[in-house]
Amino acid sequence: MKKFYLDVILLIIFMLVMSFHLLPKLLHEILGMLIIPLVIYHLYWNFKAFKLLKGTPKKRLSLFIDIALFLCLFIIMFTGICISRHLFNDMIDISLQRNIIIHQLHSAVPFLFIILSGIHFGLNWQGFWQRINIILKLDTNNKFYKFTSRLLIIILIAAGIYGSFLNQIGDRLLMEHIFATEMTSLPFVEFIFLMFCIFSLYVVIGFIISKYIN
């Protein structure tokens, strides 16, 4: 159950980090650095479960996703340190802090990270959802449960697609010069909700992929 709570905490922190334009910059940097030890714990607690997959297609795909996530995280942290204005400000050369490519990478790669982390969640959704059912004591055979869960999935997918266009994620991934979007002008709660929906969209995609390769 500790793994479940760690995953939830990681998700909450990353959603907050993605809301950098709505948070104090110092808090953004602190939360960003906090992700590193939490990811290390996440890898440690899930290593045994990963080994049990053996040589299955799911393991090969999961390994590819995990490596891509690690590379994304490394780029995010490295570029974040380079452009830091608080925690590492006195340690970084001014030329790095003003480098356009570094700024663009730090703006674009987090969106690739959220896509890959959503797929990662989706590939491992069954165990995560079982823990949710245990905590909330849900009756999965209930017709109302089935109806509401399907309705919720449809809402999350629709809102995720809407949020992706609203936040110009395609342009962001292409490292276009984007300083603000319609989504970044939304209030904090609405922005967080749409970011969660974007993440959930790729969780659903990961879950479908998992079902297919199984």
N, C-alpha and C. Protein backbone atom coordinates (compact mmCIF):
# COMPACT_ATOMS: atom_id res chain seq x y z
N MET A 1 0.82 -1.21 0.00
CA MET A 1 0.00 0.00 0.00
C MET A 1 0.86 1.27 0.00
N LYS A 2 2.10 1.15 0.53
CA LYS A 2 3.00 2.31 0.53
C LYS A 2 3.30 2.75 -0.89
N LYS A 3 3.44 1.77 -1.80
CA LYS A 3 3.71 2.10 -3.20
C LYS A 3 2.57 2.93 -3.80
N PHE A 4 1.36 2.59 -3.42
CA PHE A 4 0.18 3.31 -3.92
C PHE A 4 0.24 4.77 -3.50
N TYR A 5 0.50 5.02 -2.22
CA TYR A 5 0.54 6.40 -1.73
C TYR A 5 1.71 7.17 -2.32
N LEU A 6 2.84 6.49 -2.54
CA LEU A 6 3.98 7.13 -3.18
C LEU A 6 3.62 7.57 -4.59
N ASP A 7 2.93 6.70 -5.33
CA ASP A 7 2.51 7.04 -6.69
C ASP A 7 1.58 8.25 -6.70
N VAL A 8 0.66 8.29 -5.75
CA VAL A 8 -0.27 9.42 -5.65
C VAL A 8 0.48 10.71 -5.34
N ILE A 9 1.43 10.64 -4.40
CA ILE A 9 2.21 11.82 -4.03
C ILE A 9 3.03 12.31 -5.23
N LEU A 10 3.64 11.37 -5.95
CA LEU A 10 4.41 11.73 -7.15
C LEU A 10 3.54 12.45 -8.18
N LEU A 11 2.35 11.92 -8.38
CA LEU A 11 1.44 12.52 -9.35
C LEU A 11 1.03 13.93 -8.93
N ILE A 12 0.71 14.11 -7.65
CA ILE A 12 0.29 15.42 -7.14
C ILE A 12 1.43 16.44 -7.30
N ILE A 13 2.64 16.02 -6.92
CA ILE A 13 3.78 16.94 -7.01
C ILE A 13 4.05 17.32 -8.46
N PHE A 14 3.97 16.34 -9.36
CA PHE A 14 4.24 16.65 -10.76
C PHE A 14 3.17 17.58 -11.34
N MET A 15 1.93 17.39 -10.94
CA MET A 15 0.87 18.30 -11.38
C MET A 15 1.15 19.73 -10.89
N LEU A 16 1.64 19.84 -9.67
CA LEU A 16 1.97 21.15 -9.12
C LEU A 16 3.16 21.76 -9.86
N VAL A 17 4.17 20.94 -10.14
CA VAL A 17 5.34 21.43 -10.87
C VAL A 17 4.94 21.92 -12.26
N MET A 18 4.00 21.24 -12.89
CA MET A 18 3.54 21.66 -14.22
C MET A 18 2.75 22.97 -14.14
N SER A 19 2.35 23.35 -12.93
CA SER A 19 1.62 24.62 -12.74
C SER A 19 2.57 25.74 -12.34
N PHE A 20 3.79 25.71 -12.89
CA PHE A 20 4.86 26.62 -12.47
C PHE A 20 4.47 28.09 -12.60
N HIS A 21 3.64 28.40 -13.59
CA HIS A 21 3.26 29.80 -13.82
C HIS A 21 2.29 30.32 -12.75
N LEU A 22 1.74 29.40 -11.95
CA LEU A 22 0.79 29.78 -10.91
C LEU A 22 1.39 29.69 -9.51
N LEU A 23 2.65 29.21 -9.43
CA LEU A 23 3.30 29.02 -8.14
C LEU A 23 4.50 29.95 -8.00
N PRO A 24 4.91 30.25 -6.76
CA PRO A 24 6.18 30.97 -6.57
C PRO A 24 7.32 30.17 -7.19
N LYS A 25 8.24 30.84 -7.86
CA LYS A 25 9.32 30.14 -8.57
C LYS A 25 10.19 29.31 -7.63
N LEU A 26 10.39 29.79 -6.41
CA LEU A 26 11.18 29.02 -5.45
C LEU A 26 10.49 27.70 -5.12
N LEU A 27 9.18 27.74 -4.92
CA LEU A 27 8.42 26.53 -4.62
C LEU A 27 8.49 25.57 -5.81
N HIS A 28 8.43 26.09 -7.02
CA HIS A 28 8.54 25.26 -8.22
C HIS A 28 9.87 24.50 -8.23
N GLU A 29 10.95 25.18 -7.89
CA GLU A 29 12.27 24.54 -7.88
C GLU A 29 12.37 23.49 -6.76
N ILE A 30 11.83 23.81 -5.60
CA ILE A 30 11.88 22.86 -4.47
C ILE A 30 11.10 21.60 -4.79
N LEU A 31 9.89 21.76 -5.32
CA LEU A 31 9.07 20.60 -5.69
C LEU A 31 9.75 19.78 -6.79
N GLY A 32 10.40 20.47 -7.73
CA GLY A 32 11.10 19.78 -8.80
C GLY A 32 12.22 18.90 -8.27
N MET A 33 13.00 19.41 -7.33
CA MET A 33 14.09 18.62 -6.75
C MET A 33 13.56 17.50 -5.86
N LEU A 34 12.39 17.70 -5.27
CA LEU A 34 11.79 16.67 -4.42
C LEU A 34 11.40 15.43 -5.23
N ILE A 35 11.16 15.61 -6.51
CA ILE A 35 10.78 14.48 -7.36
C ILE A 35 11.88 13.43 -7.43
N ILE A 36 13.14 13.86 -7.37
CA ILE A 36 14.27 12.93 -7.55
C ILE A 36 14.27 11.82 -6.51
N PRO A 37 14.27 12.11 -5.19
CA PRO A 37 14.24 11.01 -4.21
C PRO A 37 12.98 10.17 -4.28
N LEU A 38 11.85 10.80 -4.62
CA LEU A 38 10.60 10.05 -4.72
C LEU A 38 10.65 9.06 -5.89
N VAL A 39 11.24 9.46 -7.01
CA VAL A 39 11.39 8.56 -8.15
C VAL A 39 12.32 7.40 -7.80
N ILE A 40 13.38 7.68 -7.05
CA ILE A 40 14.31 6.62 -6.62
C ILE A 40 13.58 5.60 -5.76
N TYR A 41 12.77 6.07 -4.81
CA TYR A 41 11.96 5.17 -3.99
C TYR A 41 10.98 4.38 -4.85
N HIS A 42 10.37 5.05 -5.81
CA HIS A 42 9.41 4.39 -6.70
C HIS A 42 10.09 3.24 -7.46
N LEU A 43 11.28 3.48 -7.98
CA LEU A 43 12.02 2.45 -8.71
C LEU A 43 12.39 1.29 -7.79
N TYR A 44 12.80 1.63 -6.58
CA TYR A 44 13.20 0.61 -5.61
C TYR A 44 12.04 -0.31 -5.25
N TRP A 45 10.88 0.27 -4.97
CA TRP A 45 9.72 -0.52 -4.54
C TRP A 45 9.10 -1.32 -5.68
N ASN A 46 9.31 -0.90 -6.91
CA ASN A 46 8.68 -1.58 -8.04
C ASN A 46 9.63 -2.50 -8.81
N PHE A 47 10.89 -2.56 -8.38
CA PHE A 47 11.87 -3.36 -9.11
C PHE A 47 11.53 -4.85 -9.08
N LYS A 48 11.08 -5.33 -7.92
CA LYS A 48 10.74 -6.74 -7.80
C LYS A 48 9.57 -7.11 -8.70
N ALA A 49 8.54 -6.26 -8.73
CA ALA A 49 7.38 -6.53 -9.58
C ALA A 49 7.77 -6.50 -11.05
N PHE A 50 8.71 -5.63 -11.40
CA PHE A 50 9.16 -5.53 -12.79
C PHE A 50 9.89 -6.80 -13.21
N LYS A 51 10.69 -7.39 -12.31
CA LYS A 51 11.42 -8.61 -12.64
C LYS A 51 10.48 -9.78 -12.91
N LEU A 52 9.30 -9.77 -12.27
CA LEU A 52 8.35 -10.87 -12.44
C LEU A 52 7.76 -10.92 -13.84
N LEU A 53 7.87 -9.83 -14.58
CA LEU A 53 7.33 -9.81 -15.95
C LEU A 53 8.17 -10.66 -16.90
N LYS A 54 9.42 -10.96 -16.49
CA LYS A 54 10.35 -11.77 -17.28
C LYS A 54 10.52 -11.20 -18.69
N GLY A 55 10.40 -12.04 -19.72
CA GLY A 55 10.68 -11.58 -21.08
C GLY A 55 9.44 -11.27 -21.88
N THR A 56 8.37 -10.89 -21.23
CA THR A 56 7.10 -10.64 -21.91
C THR A 56 7.15 -9.36 -22.74
N PRO A 57 6.27 -9.24 -23.76
CA PRO A 57 6.20 -7.98 -24.52
C PRO A 57 5.93 -6.77 -23.62
N LYS A 58 5.15 -6.99 -22.57
CA LYS A 58 4.85 -5.90 -21.65
C LYS A 58 6.12 -5.42 -20.95
N LYS A 59 7.01 -6.37 -20.60
CA LYS A 59 8.25 -5.98 -19.94
C LYS A 59 9.13 -5.18 -20.89
N ARG A 60 9.21 -5.61 -22.14
CA ARG A 60 10.05 -4.91 -23.11
C ARG A 60 9.52 -3.49 -23.34
N LEU A 61 8.19 -3.36 -23.47
CA LEU A 61 7.61 -2.04 -23.64
C LEU A 61 7.81 -1.19 -22.39
N SER A 62 7.58 -1.79 -21.22
CA SER A 62 7.75 -1.07 -19.95
C SER A 62 9.19 -0.59 -19.79
N LEU A 63 10.14 -1.44 -20.18
CA LEU A 63 11.55 -1.06 -20.08
C LEU A 63 11.85 0.13 -20.99
N PHE A 64 11.31 0.11 -22.20
CA PHE A 64 11.51 1.23 -23.13
C PHE A 64 10.91 2.51 -22.56
N ILE A 65 9.69 2.42 -22.03
CA ILE A 65 9.03 3.59 -21.44
C ILE A 65 9.82 4.10 -20.23
N ASP A 66 10.30 3.19 -19.39
CA ASP A 66 11.04 3.58 -18.19
C ASP A 66 12.34 4.29 -18.55
N ILE A 67 13.05 3.77 -19.56
CA ILE A 67 14.30 4.41 -20.00
C ILE A 67 14.01 5.80 -20.54
N ALA A 68 12.94 5.91 -21.34
CA ALA A 68 12.56 7.22 -21.90
C ALA A 68 12.18 8.19 -20.78
N LEU A 69 11.46 7.70 -19.76
CA LEU A 69 11.09 8.54 -18.62
C LEU A 69 12.33 9.01 -17.87
N PHE A 70 13.28 8.10 -17.69
CA PHE A 70 14.52 8.46 -16.99
C PHE A 70 15.28 9.54 -17.75
N LEU A 71 15.38 9.39 -19.08
CA LEU A 71 16.07 10.39 -19.89
C LEU A 71 15.36 11.74 -19.83
N CYS A 72 14.03 11.70 -19.89
CA CYS A 72 13.24 12.94 -19.77
C CYS A 72 13.48 13.61 -18.44
N LEU A 73 13.45 12.81 -17.38
CA LEU A 73 13.65 13.36 -16.03
C LEU A 73 15.04 13.98 -15.91
N PHE A 74 16.05 13.31 -16.48
CA PHE A 74 17.41 13.83 -16.43
C PHE A 74 17.49 15.18 -17.14
N ILE A 75 16.89 15.27 -18.33
CA ILE A 75 16.90 16.52 -19.09
C ILE A 75 16.17 17.63 -18.33
N ILE A 76 15.02 17.28 -17.75
CA ILE A 76 14.24 18.27 -17.00
C ILE A 76 15.04 18.81 -15.82
N MET A 77 15.67 17.90 -15.07
CA MET A 77 16.43 18.31 -13.89
C MET A 77 17.68 19.10 -14.29
N PHE A 78 18.39 18.63 -15.32
CA PHE A 78 19.61 19.31 -15.75
C PHE A 78 19.30 20.73 -16.24
N THR A 79 18.29 20.84 -17.12
CA THR A 79 17.94 22.16 -17.64
C THR A 79 17.36 23.05 -16.55
N GLY A 80 16.61 22.42 -15.61
CA GLY A 80 16.05 23.20 -14.50
C GLY A 80 17.14 23.79 -13.62
N ILE A 81 18.19 23.02 -13.37
CA ILE A 81 19.31 23.52 -12.58
C ILE A 81 20.03 24.64 -13.33
N CYS A 82 20.17 24.47 -14.65
CA CYS A 82 20.86 25.48 -15.47
C CYS A 82 20.15 26.82 -15.45
N ILE A 83 18.81 26.82 -15.43
CA ILE A 83 18.07 28.08 -15.49
C ILE A 83 17.53 28.50 -14.12
N SER A 84 18.00 27.82 -13.08
CA SER A 84 17.54 28.12 -11.73
C SER A 84 17.82 29.57 -11.34
N ARG A 85 16.84 30.18 -10.69
CA ARG A 85 16.98 31.55 -10.22
C ARG A 85 17.06 31.63 -8.70
N HIS A 86 16.97 30.48 -8.05
CA HIS A 86 16.95 30.48 -6.59
C HIS A 86 17.92 29.46 -5.99
N LEU A 87 17.60 28.17 -6.09
CA LEU A 87 18.40 27.14 -5.41
C LEU A 87 19.83 27.05 -5.94
N PHE A 88 20.01 27.22 -7.25
CA PHE A 88 21.34 27.05 -7.85
C PHE A 88 21.81 28.31 -8.58
N ASN A 89 21.20 29.42 -8.29
CA ASN A 89 21.47 30.66 -9.04
C ASN A 89 22.94 31.05 -9.02
N ASP A 90 23.59 30.96 -7.85
CA ASP A 90 24.98 31.40 -7.71
C ASP A 90 25.98 30.39 -8.27
N MET A 91 25.50 29.19 -8.62
CA MET A 91 26.40 28.14 -9.08
C MET A 91 26.44 28.03 -10.60
N ILE A 92 25.51 28.68 -11.30
CA ILE A 92 25.36 28.51 -12.74
C ILE A 92 25.81 29.76 -13.48
N ASP A 93 26.55 29.53 -14.56
CA ASP A 93 27.02 30.63 -15.40
C ASP A 93 25.83 31.32 -16.07
N ILE A 94 25.93 32.62 -16.19
CA ILE A 94 24.82 33.42 -16.74
C ILE A 94 24.50 33.04 -18.19
N SER A 95 25.49 32.56 -18.93
CA SER A 95 25.26 32.17 -20.32
C SER A 95 24.34 30.95 -20.41
N LEU A 96 24.46 30.05 -19.44
CA LEU A 96 23.57 28.89 -19.39
C LEU A 96 22.16 29.31 -18.98
N GLN A 97 22.07 30.20 -18.02
CA GLN A 97 20.77 30.66 -17.55
C GLN A 97 19.97 31.35 -18.65
N ARG A 98 20.65 31.94 -19.62
CA ARG A 98 19.98 32.67 -20.69
C ARG A 98 19.91 31.88 -22.00
N ASN A 99 20.43 30.65 -21.99
CA ASN A 99 20.45 29.85 -23.21
C ASN A 99 19.04 29.48 -23.66
N ILE A 100 18.67 29.84 -24.90
CA ILE A 100 17.32 29.62 -25.39
C ILE A 100 16.99 28.13 -25.52
N ILE A 101 17.93 27.34 -26.01
CA ILE A 101 17.70 25.91 -26.19
C ILE A 101 17.40 25.23 -24.85
N ILE A 102 18.15 25.60 -23.82
CA ILE A 102 17.94 25.02 -22.50
C ILE A 102 16.54 25.38 -21.98
N HIS A 103 16.14 26.62 -22.19
CA HIS A 103 14.79 27.06 -21.77
C HIS A 103 13.72 26.29 -22.55
N GLN A 104 13.93 26.11 -23.85
CA GLN A 104 12.95 25.40 -24.68
C GLN A 104 12.83 23.94 -24.26
N LEU A 105 13.97 23.31 -23.99
CA LEU A 105 13.96 21.91 -23.54
C LEU A 105 13.22 21.78 -22.21
N HIS A 106 13.48 22.73 -21.32
CA HIS A 106 12.84 22.66 -20.00
C HIS A 106 11.33 22.90 -20.09
N SER A 107 10.89 23.58 -21.14
CA SER A 107 9.47 23.82 -21.33
C SER A 107 8.79 22.67 -22.07
N ALA A 108 9.53 22.01 -22.99
CA ALA A 108 8.93 20.98 -23.85
C ALA A 108 8.96 19.59 -23.25
N VAL A 109 10.09 19.20 -22.68
CA VAL A 109 10.27 17.80 -22.23
C VAL A 109 9.29 17.40 -21.12
N PRO A 110 8.91 18.30 -20.19
CA PRO A 110 7.91 17.89 -19.19
C PRO A 110 6.60 17.38 -19.80
N PHE A 111 6.21 17.89 -20.97
CA PHE A 111 4.98 17.41 -21.60
C PHE A 111 5.18 16.02 -22.20
N LEU A 112 6.38 15.74 -22.69
CA LEU A 112 6.69 14.38 -23.13
C LEU A 112 6.71 13.45 -21.92
N PHE A 113 7.23 13.96 -20.80
CA PHE A 113 7.28 13.17 -19.57
C PHE A 113 5.87 12.81 -19.09
N ILE A 114 4.95 13.76 -19.15
CA ILE A 114 3.59 13.48 -18.66
C ILE A 114 2.87 12.49 -19.58
N ILE A 115 3.18 12.53 -20.88
CA ILE A 115 2.61 11.55 -21.81
C ILE A 115 3.14 10.15 -21.50
N LEU A 116 4.45 10.04 -21.35
CA LEU A 116 5.07 8.75 -21.08
C LEU A 116 4.68 8.21 -19.71
N SER A 117 4.59 9.11 -18.71
CA SER A 117 4.22 8.65 -17.37
C SER A 117 2.76 8.19 -17.34
N GLY A 118 1.90 8.82 -18.17
CA GLY A 118 0.52 8.36 -18.29
C GLY A 118 0.46 6.97 -18.87
N ILE A 119 1.22 6.72 -19.94
CA ILE A 119 1.28 5.38 -20.54
C ILE A 119 1.85 4.38 -19.54
N HIS A 120 2.86 4.80 -18.78
CA HIS A 120 3.46 3.95 -17.75
C HIS A 120 2.42 3.55 -16.71
N PHE A 121 1.63 4.52 -16.26
CA PHE A 121 0.54 4.23 -15.32
C PHE A 121 -0.45 3.26 -15.93
N GLY A 122 -0.80 3.52 -17.20
CA GLY A 122 -1.79 2.67 -17.87
C GLY A 122 -1.34 1.23 -18.01
N LEU A 123 -0.05 1.03 -18.28
CA LEU A 123 0.49 -0.33 -18.41
C LEU A 123 0.40 -1.09 -17.09
N ASN A 124 0.40 -0.35 -15.99
CA ASN A 124 0.36 -0.97 -14.66
C ASN A 124 -0.93 -0.62 -13.92
N TRP A 125 -1.98 -0.29 -14.68
CA TRP A 125 -3.20 0.23 -14.09
C TRP A 125 -3.94 -0.80 -13.24
N GLN A 126 -3.90 -2.05 -13.61
CA GLN A 126 -4.72 -3.05 -12.92
C GLN A 126 -4.39 -3.12 -11.43
N GLY A 127 -3.10 -3.19 -11.11
CA GLY A 127 -2.71 -3.25 -9.70
C GLY A 127 -3.05 -1.96 -8.96
N PHE A 128 -2.87 -0.82 -9.63
CA PHE A 128 -3.18 0.47 -9.02
C PHE A 128 -4.67 0.58 -8.74
N TRP A 129 -5.51 0.15 -9.70
CA TRP A 129 -6.96 0.24 -9.54
C TRP A 129 -7.46 -0.71 -8.46
N GLN A 130 -6.82 -1.85 -8.31
CA GLN A 130 -7.21 -2.79 -7.25
C GLN A 130 -7.01 -2.15 -5.89
N ARG A 131 -5.92 -1.40 -5.73
CA ARG A 131 -5.67 -0.72 -4.45
C ARG A 131 -6.72 0.35 -4.18
N ILE A 132 -7.13 1.07 -5.23
CA ILE A 132 -8.18 2.08 -5.08
C ILE A 132 -9.48 1.42 -4.63
N ASN A 133 -9.83 0.30 -5.25
CA ASN A 133 -11.05 -0.42 -4.88
C ASN A 133 -11.02 -0.89 -3.44
N ILE A 134 -9.84 -1.32 -2.99
CA ILE A 134 -9.70 -1.78 -1.60
C ILE A 134 -9.88 -0.62 -0.63
N ILE A 135 -9.25 0.51 -0.93
CA ILE A 135 -9.32 1.68 -0.04
C ILE A 135 -10.75 2.23 0.03
N LEU A 136 -11.39 2.34 -1.15
CA LEU A 136 -12.73 2.92 -1.20
C LEU A 136 -13.84 1.88 -1.00
N LYS A 137 -13.45 0.59 -0.96
CA LYS A 137 -14.40 -0.52 -0.77
C LYS A 137 -15.52 -0.47 -1.81
N LEU A 138 -15.09 -0.41 -3.07
CA LEU A 138 -16.04 -0.32 -4.18
C LEU A 138 -16.54 -1.70 -4.59
N ASP A 139 -17.81 -1.77 -4.95
CA ASP A 139 -18.40 -3.01 -5.46
C ASP A 139 -18.29 -2.99 -6.99
N THR A 140 -17.29 -3.67 -7.52
CA THR A 140 -17.01 -3.61 -8.95
C THR A 140 -18.06 -4.33 -9.80
N ASN A 141 -18.92 -5.13 -9.18
CA ASN A 141 -19.96 -5.84 -9.91
C ASN A 141 -21.27 -5.06 -9.99
N ASN A 142 -21.31 -3.94 -9.28
CA ASN A 142 -22.50 -3.11 -9.26
C ASN A 142 -22.70 -2.42 -10.60
N LYS A 143 -23.94 -2.40 -11.13
CA LYS A 143 -24.22 -1.78 -12.42
C LYS A 143 -23.96 -0.28 -12.40
N PHE A 144 -24.29 0.37 -11.27
CA PHE A 144 -24.04 1.80 -11.14
C PHE A 144 -22.54 2.10 -11.20
N TYR A 145 -21.75 1.23 -10.56
CA TYR A 145 -20.29 1.38 -10.58
C TYR A 145 -19.78 1.30 -12.02
N LYS A 146 -20.26 0.32 -12.77
CA LYS A 146 -19.80 0.14 -14.15
C LYS A 146 -20.19 1.34 -15.02
N PHE A 147 -21.42 1.82 -14.82
CA PHE A 147 -21.88 2.96 -15.61
C PHE A 147 -21.08 4.22 -15.31
N THR A 148 -20.91 4.52 -14.01
CA THR A 148 -20.22 5.75 -13.62
C THR A 148 -18.73 5.69 -13.99
N SER A 149 -18.11 4.51 -13.88
CA SER A 149 -16.70 4.40 -14.23
C SER A 149 -16.49 4.63 -15.73
N ARG A 150 -17.39 4.09 -16.55
CA ARG A 150 -17.28 4.31 -17.99
C ARG A 150 -17.55 5.76 -18.36
N LEU A 151 -18.53 6.36 -17.69
CA LEU A 151 -18.84 7.77 -17.94
C LEU A 151 -17.65 8.64 -17.56
N LEU A 152 -17.02 8.31 -16.42
CA LEU A 152 -15.86 9.07 -15.96
C LEU A 152 -14.71 8.97 -16.96
N ILE A 153 -14.50 7.78 -17.50
CA ILE A 153 -13.43 7.59 -18.49
C ILE A 153 -13.69 8.45 -19.72
N ILE A 154 -14.94 8.47 -20.19
CA ILE A 154 -15.30 9.28 -21.36
C ILE A 154 -15.04 10.76 -21.10
N ILE A 155 -15.42 11.22 -19.89
CA ILE A 155 -15.22 12.63 -19.52
C ILE A 155 -13.73 12.97 -19.48
N LEU A 156 -12.94 12.08 -18.87
CA LEU A 156 -11.50 12.32 -18.76
C LEU A 156 -10.83 12.36 -20.13
N ILE A 157 -11.25 11.44 -21.03
CA ILE A 157 -10.67 11.42 -22.38
C ILE A 157 -11.02 12.70 -23.13
N ALA A 158 -12.31 13.08 -23.08
CA ALA A 158 -12.76 14.28 -23.78
C ALA A 158 -12.06 15.53 -23.23
N ALA A 159 -11.98 15.63 -21.92
CA ALA A 159 -11.32 16.79 -21.30
C ALA A 159 -9.83 16.77 -21.57
N GLY A 160 -9.23 15.56 -21.63
CA GLY A 160 -7.80 15.45 -21.93
C GLY A 160 -7.48 15.92 -23.33
N ILE A 161 -8.32 15.54 -24.30
CA ILE A 161 -8.13 15.99 -25.68
C ILE A 161 -8.31 17.51 -25.78
N TYR A 162 -9.36 18.00 -25.11
CA TYR A 162 -9.63 19.44 -25.10
C TYR A 162 -8.46 20.21 -24.48
N GLY A 163 -7.96 19.71 -23.34
CA GLY A 163 -6.84 20.36 -22.66
C GLY A 163 -5.57 20.34 -23.50
N SER A 164 -5.38 19.26 -24.27
CA SER A 164 -4.18 19.15 -25.12
C SER A 164 -4.17 20.23 -26.18
N PHE A 165 -5.33 20.48 -26.79
CA PHE A 165 -5.42 21.54 -27.79
C PHE A 165 -5.34 22.92 -27.14
N LEU A 166 -6.00 23.05 -25.98
CA LEU A 166 -6.04 24.34 -25.29
C LEU A 166 -4.64 24.77 -24.84
N ASN A 167 -3.82 23.79 -24.49
CA ASN A 167 -2.46 24.09 -24.00
C ASN A 167 -1.41 23.93 -25.09
N GLN A 168 -1.84 23.66 -26.32
CA GLN A 168 -0.95 23.56 -27.48
C GLN A 168 0.21 22.59 -27.24
N ILE A 169 -0.13 21.41 -26.75
CA ILE A 169 0.91 20.44 -26.40
C ILE A 169 1.72 20.02 -27.61
N GLY A 170 1.06 19.86 -28.77
CA GLY A 170 1.80 19.50 -29.98
C GLY A 170 2.87 20.52 -30.31
N ASP A 171 2.53 21.80 -30.26
CA ASP A 171 3.50 22.86 -30.52
C ASP A 171 4.59 22.89 -29.46
N ARG A 172 4.21 22.62 -28.22
CA ARG A 172 5.20 22.60 -27.13
C ARG A 172 6.22 21.50 -27.35
N LEU A 173 5.75 20.31 -27.77
CA LEU A 173 6.66 19.19 -28.01
C LEU A 173 7.62 19.48 -29.16
N LEU A 174 7.17 20.32 -30.10
CA LEU A 174 8.02 20.72 -31.22
C LEU A 174 8.91 21.91 -30.86
N MET A 175 8.88 22.29 -29.57
CA MET A 175 9.73 23.36 -29.04
C MET A 175 9.45 24.70 -29.70
N GLU A 176 8.16 24.94 -29.99
CA GLU A 176 7.77 26.25 -30.50
C GLU A 176 7.88 27.29 -29.38
N HIS A 177 8.02 28.54 -29.76
CA HIS A 177 8.11 29.62 -28.77
C HIS A 177 6.70 29.93 -28.26
N ILE A 178 6.35 29.33 -27.14
CA ILE A 178 5.04 29.53 -26.54
C ILE A 178 5.22 30.03 -25.12
N PHE A 179 4.74 31.21 -24.85
CA PHE A 179 4.89 31.79 -23.51
C PHE A 179 3.60 31.65 -22.69
N ALA A 180 2.48 31.61 -23.38
CA ALA A 180 1.19 31.46 -22.68
C ALA A 180 0.18 30.87 -23.64
N THR A 181 -0.79 30.16 -23.09
CA THR A 181 -1.87 29.58 -23.88
C THR A 181 -3.19 29.91 -23.20
N GLU A 182 -4.27 29.52 -23.84
CA GLU A 182 -5.59 29.73 -23.22
C GLU A 182 -5.69 28.96 -21.91
N MET A 183 -5.02 27.81 -21.83
CA MET A 183 -5.10 27.00 -20.62
C MET A 183 -4.32 27.62 -19.47
N THR A 184 -3.18 28.25 -19.77
CA THR A 184 -2.38 28.86 -18.69
C THR A 184 -3.05 30.08 -18.09
N SER A 185 -4.07 30.61 -18.77
CA SER A 185 -4.78 31.76 -18.22
C SER A 185 -5.94 31.35 -17.31
N LEU A 186 -6.17 30.03 -17.22
CA LEU A 186 -7.25 29.53 -16.38
C LEU A 186 -6.89 29.61 -14.91
N PRO A 187 -7.88 29.64 -14.01
CA PRO A 187 -7.61 29.58 -12.57
C PRO A 187 -6.91 28.27 -12.20
N PHE A 188 -6.29 28.27 -11.04
CA PHE A 188 -5.46 27.15 -10.59
C PHE A 188 -6.20 25.81 -10.64
N VAL A 189 -7.39 25.75 -10.06
CA VAL A 189 -8.13 24.48 -9.97
C VAL A 189 -8.47 23.94 -11.36
N GLU A 190 -8.91 24.83 -12.25
CA GLU A 190 -9.26 24.40 -13.61
C GLU A 190 -8.03 23.93 -14.37
N PHE A 191 -6.91 24.62 -14.18
CA PHE A 191 -5.68 24.23 -14.86
C PHE A 191 -5.23 22.85 -14.39
N ILE A 192 -5.24 22.63 -13.08
CA ILE A 192 -4.83 21.33 -12.52
C ILE A 192 -5.75 20.23 -13.03
N PHE A 193 -7.05 20.50 -13.08
CA PHE A 193 -8.01 19.49 -13.55
C PHE A 193 -7.71 19.09 -14.98
N LEU A 194 -7.46 20.07 -15.85
CA LEU A 194 -7.19 19.75 -17.25
C LEU A 194 -5.85 19.04 -17.41
N MET A 195 -4.84 19.41 -16.61
CA MET A 195 -3.56 18.70 -16.66
C MET A 195 -3.75 17.24 -16.24
N PHE A 196 -4.57 17.03 -15.22
CA PHE A 196 -4.85 15.66 -14.78
C PHE A 196 -5.58 14.89 -15.87
N CYS A 197 -6.48 15.55 -16.58
CA CYS A 197 -7.22 14.90 -17.67
C CYS A 197 -6.29 14.54 -18.82
N ILE A 198 -5.33 15.41 -19.12
CA ILE A 198 -4.34 15.11 -20.16
C ILE A 198 -3.54 13.87 -19.76
N PHE A 199 -3.12 13.83 -18.51
CA PHE A 199 -2.41 12.66 -17.99
C PHE A 199 -3.29 11.42 -18.09
N SER A 200 -4.56 11.55 -17.70
CA SER A 200 -5.50 10.42 -17.70
C SER A 200 -5.74 9.89 -19.11
N LEU A 201 -5.74 10.78 -20.10
CA LEU A 201 -5.90 10.38 -21.50
C LEU A 201 -4.85 9.34 -21.88
N TYR A 202 -3.60 9.57 -21.45
CA TYR A 202 -2.52 8.64 -21.80
C TYR A 202 -2.50 7.42 -20.89
N VAL A 203 -3.10 7.55 -19.70
CA VAL A 203 -3.30 6.36 -18.86
C VAL A 203 -4.22 5.38 -19.58
N VAL A 204 -5.30 5.90 -20.15
CA VAL A 204 -6.25 5.07 -20.90
C VAL A 204 -5.55 4.42 -22.10
N ILE A 205 -4.72 5.20 -22.81
CA ILE A 205 -3.98 4.66 -23.95
C ILE A 205 -3.03 3.55 -23.50
N GLY A 206 -2.35 3.77 -22.39
CA GLY A 206 -1.45 2.75 -21.84
C GLY A 206 -2.19 1.49 -21.43
N PHE A 207 -3.38 1.68 -20.86
CA PHE A 207 -4.20 0.54 -20.45
C PHE A 207 -4.64 -0.28 -21.66
N ILE A 208 -5.05 0.41 -22.72
CA ILE A 208 -5.47 -0.28 -23.96
C ILE A 208 -4.30 -1.05 -24.55
N ILE A 209 -3.13 -0.42 -24.57
CA ILE A 209 -1.92 -1.11 -25.07
C ILE A 209 -1.62 -2.35 -24.24
N SER A 210 -1.76 -2.22 -22.91
CA SER A 210 -1.50 -3.34 -22.02
C SER A 210 -2.43 -4.50 -22.31
N LYS A 211 -3.72 -4.19 -22.53
CA LYS A 211 -4.70 -5.23 -22.85
C LYS A 211 -4.35 -5.91 -24.18
N TYR A 212 -3.91 -5.11 -25.15
CA TYR A 212 -3.61 -5.63 -26.47
C TYR A 212 -2.41 -6.59 -26.44
N ILE A 213 -1.31 -6.16 -25.77
CA ILE A 213 -0.10 -6.98 -25.79
C ILE A 213 -0.22 -8.19 -24.87
N ASN A 214 -1.20 -8.18 -23.96
CA ASN A 214 -1.41 -9.36 -23.10
C ASN A 214 -2.18 -10.43 -23.85
